[in-house]
Amino acid sequence: MPKIKTHKATAKRIKVTGTGKILRSRGFQNHKKSAKSKRSLRKMDDMFVANAGMKRRIRALVPGLKAK
């Protein structure tokens, strides 16, 4: 049986906190920035906790993740 490979693009885009929460960044940051408010662009800079469905997907793509 072959090893399960990590999806490298996903692994680079997520972080795991000390308590095991998975953080991910928001999308829609790179295109048509002039049409977006400065407030919304600042809010997009922050990483936020992934919801249950996103956690399931991330765990499938990054099998060696040490997250709860």
C-alpha atoms as a PDB file:
ATOM      1  CA  MET A   1       0.000   0.000   0.000  1.00  0.00           C
ATOM      2  CA  PRO A   2       1.541   3.384  -0.983  1.00  0.00           C
ATOM      3  CA  LYS A   3       2.023   6.201   1.457  1.00  0.00           C
ATOM      4  CA  ILE A   4      -0.606   8.941   1.665  1.00  0.00           C
ATOM      5  CA  LYS A   5       0.853  12.101   0.184  1.00  0.00           C
ATOM      6  CA  THR A   6       0.376  15.536   1.764  1.00  0.00           C
ATOM      7  CA  HIS A   7      -1.247  18.185  -0.422  1.00  0.00           C
ATOM      8  CA  LYS A   8       1.567  20.735  -0.217  1.00  0.00           C
ATOM      9  CA  ALA A   9      -0.467  23.765  -1.338  1.00  0.00           C
ATOM     10  CA  THR A  10      -2.948  23.162   1.489  1.00  0.00           C
ATOM     11  CA  ALA A  11      -0.196  22.557   4.035  1.00  0.00           C
ATOM     12  CA  LYS A  12       1.359  25.952   3.214  1.00  0.00           C
ATOM     13  CA  ARG A  13      -1.951  27.800   3.638  1.00  0.00           C
ATOM     14  CA  ILE A  14      -2.974  26.559   7.086  1.00  0.00           C
ATOM     15  CA  LYS A  15      -1.598  26.843  10.596  1.00  0.00           C
ATOM     16  CA  VAL A  16      -2.334  24.881  13.753  1.00  0.00           C
ATOM     17  CA  THR A  17      -2.562  26.686  17.099  1.00  0.00           C
ATOM     18  CA  GLY A  18      -1.047  25.388  20.312  1.00  0.00           C
ATOM     19  CA  THR A  19      -4.456  24.105  21.393  1.00  0.00           C
ATOM     20  CA  GLY A  20      -4.930  22.220  18.103  1.00  0.00           C
ATOM     21  CA  LYS A  21      -7.317  24.542  16.261  1.00  0.00           C
ATOM     22  CA  ILE A  22      -6.878  24.818  12.487  1.00  0.00           C
ATOM     23  CA  LEU A  23      -6.511  28.378  11.174  1.00  0.00           C
ATOM     24  CA  ARG A  24      -6.958  29.324   7.543  1.00  0.00           C
ATOM     25  CA  SER A  25      -6.847  32.578   5.620  1.00  0.00           C
ATOM     26  CA  ARG A  26      -9.707  34.177   3.731  1.00  0.00           C
ATOM     27  CA  GLY A  27     -10.013  34.234  -0.041  1.00  0.00           C
ATOM     28  CA  PHE A  28     -10.780  37.077  -2.485  1.00  0.00           C
ATOM     29  CA  GLN A  29      -7.682  39.055  -1.512  1.00  0.00           C
ATOM     30  CA  ASN A  30      -5.756  39.433  -4.754  1.00  0.00           C
ATOM     31  CA  HIS A  31      -8.151  40.575  -7.467  1.00  0.00           C
ATOM     32  CA  LYS A  32     -10.010  43.903  -7.800  1.00  0.00           C
ATOM     33  CA  LYS A  33      -8.739  45.299  -4.528  1.00  0.00           C
ATOM     34  CA  SER A  34      -9.720  48.852  -5.440  1.00  0.00           C
ATOM     35  CA  ALA A  35     -13.394  47.847  -5.452  1.00  0.00           C
ATOM     36  CA  LYS A  36     -13.185  46.470  -1.910  1.00  0.00           C
ATOM     37  CA  SER A  37     -13.281  48.650   1.172  1.00  0.00           C
ATOM     38  CA  LYS A  38     -10.100  49.089   3.163  1.00  0.00           C
ATOM     39  CA  ARG A  39     -11.893  47.703   6.208  1.00  0.00           C
ATOM     40  CA  SER A  40     -12.784  44.462   4.414  1.00  0.00           C
ATOM     41  CA  LEU A  41      -9.227  44.115   3.085  1.00  0.00           C
ATOM     42  CA  ARG A  42      -7.838  44.488   6.616  1.00  0.00           C
ATOM     43  CA  LYS A  43     -10.259  41.844   7.901  1.00  0.00           C
ATOM     44  CA  MET A  44      -9.117  39.455   5.164  1.00  0.00           C
ATOM     45  CA  ASP A  45      -5.516  39.679   6.427  1.00  0.00           C
ATOM     46  CA  ASP A  46      -6.387  37.792   9.623  1.00  0.00           C
ATOM     47  CA  MET A  47      -6.504  34.033   9.819  1.00  0.00           C
ATOM     48  CA  PHE A  48      -9.623  32.501  11.327  1.00  0.00           C
ATOM     49  CA  VAL A  49     -10.679  29.149  12.746  1.00  0.00           C
ATOM     50  CA  ALA A  50     -11.875  26.664  10.133  1.00  0.00           C
ATOM     51  CA  ASN A  51     -15.398  25.246  10.538  1.00  0.00           C
ATOM     52  CA  ALA A  52     -16.199  21.531  10.820  1.00  0.00           C
ATOM     53  CA  GLY A  53     -16.589  20.873   7.082  1.00  0.00           C
ATOM     54  CA  MET A  54     -13.368  22.674   6.246  1.00  0.00           C
ATOM     55  CA  LYS A  55     -11.515  20.780   9.012  1.00  0.00           C
ATOM     56  CA  ARG A  56     -12.648  17.482   7.510  1.00  0.00           C
ATOM     57  CA  ARG A  57     -11.354  18.505   4.091  1.00  0.00           C
ATOM     58  CA  ILE A  58      -8.047  19.787   5.467  1.00  0.00           C
ATOM     59  CA  ARG A  59      -7.430  16.594   7.442  1.00  0.00           C
ATOM     60  CA  ALA A  60      -7.956  14.539   4.280  1.00  0.00           C
ATOM     61  CA  LEU A  61      -5.481  16.684   2.336  1.00  0.00           C
ATOM     62  CA  VAL A  62      -2.872  16.939   5.126  1.00  0.00           C
ATOM     63  CA  PRO A  63      -2.835  13.541   6.860  1.00  0.00           C
ATOM     64  CA  GLY A  64       0.098  14.221   9.226  1.00  0.00           C
ATOM     65  CA  LEU A  65      -1.575  17.244  10.843  1.00  0.00           C
ATOM     66  CA  LYS A  66      -1.448  17.403  14.636  1.00  0.00           C
ATOM     67  CA  ALA A  67      -4.844  19.013  15.177  1.00  0.00           C
ATOM     68  CA  LYS A  68      -7.876  18.250  17.326  1.00  0.00           C
END
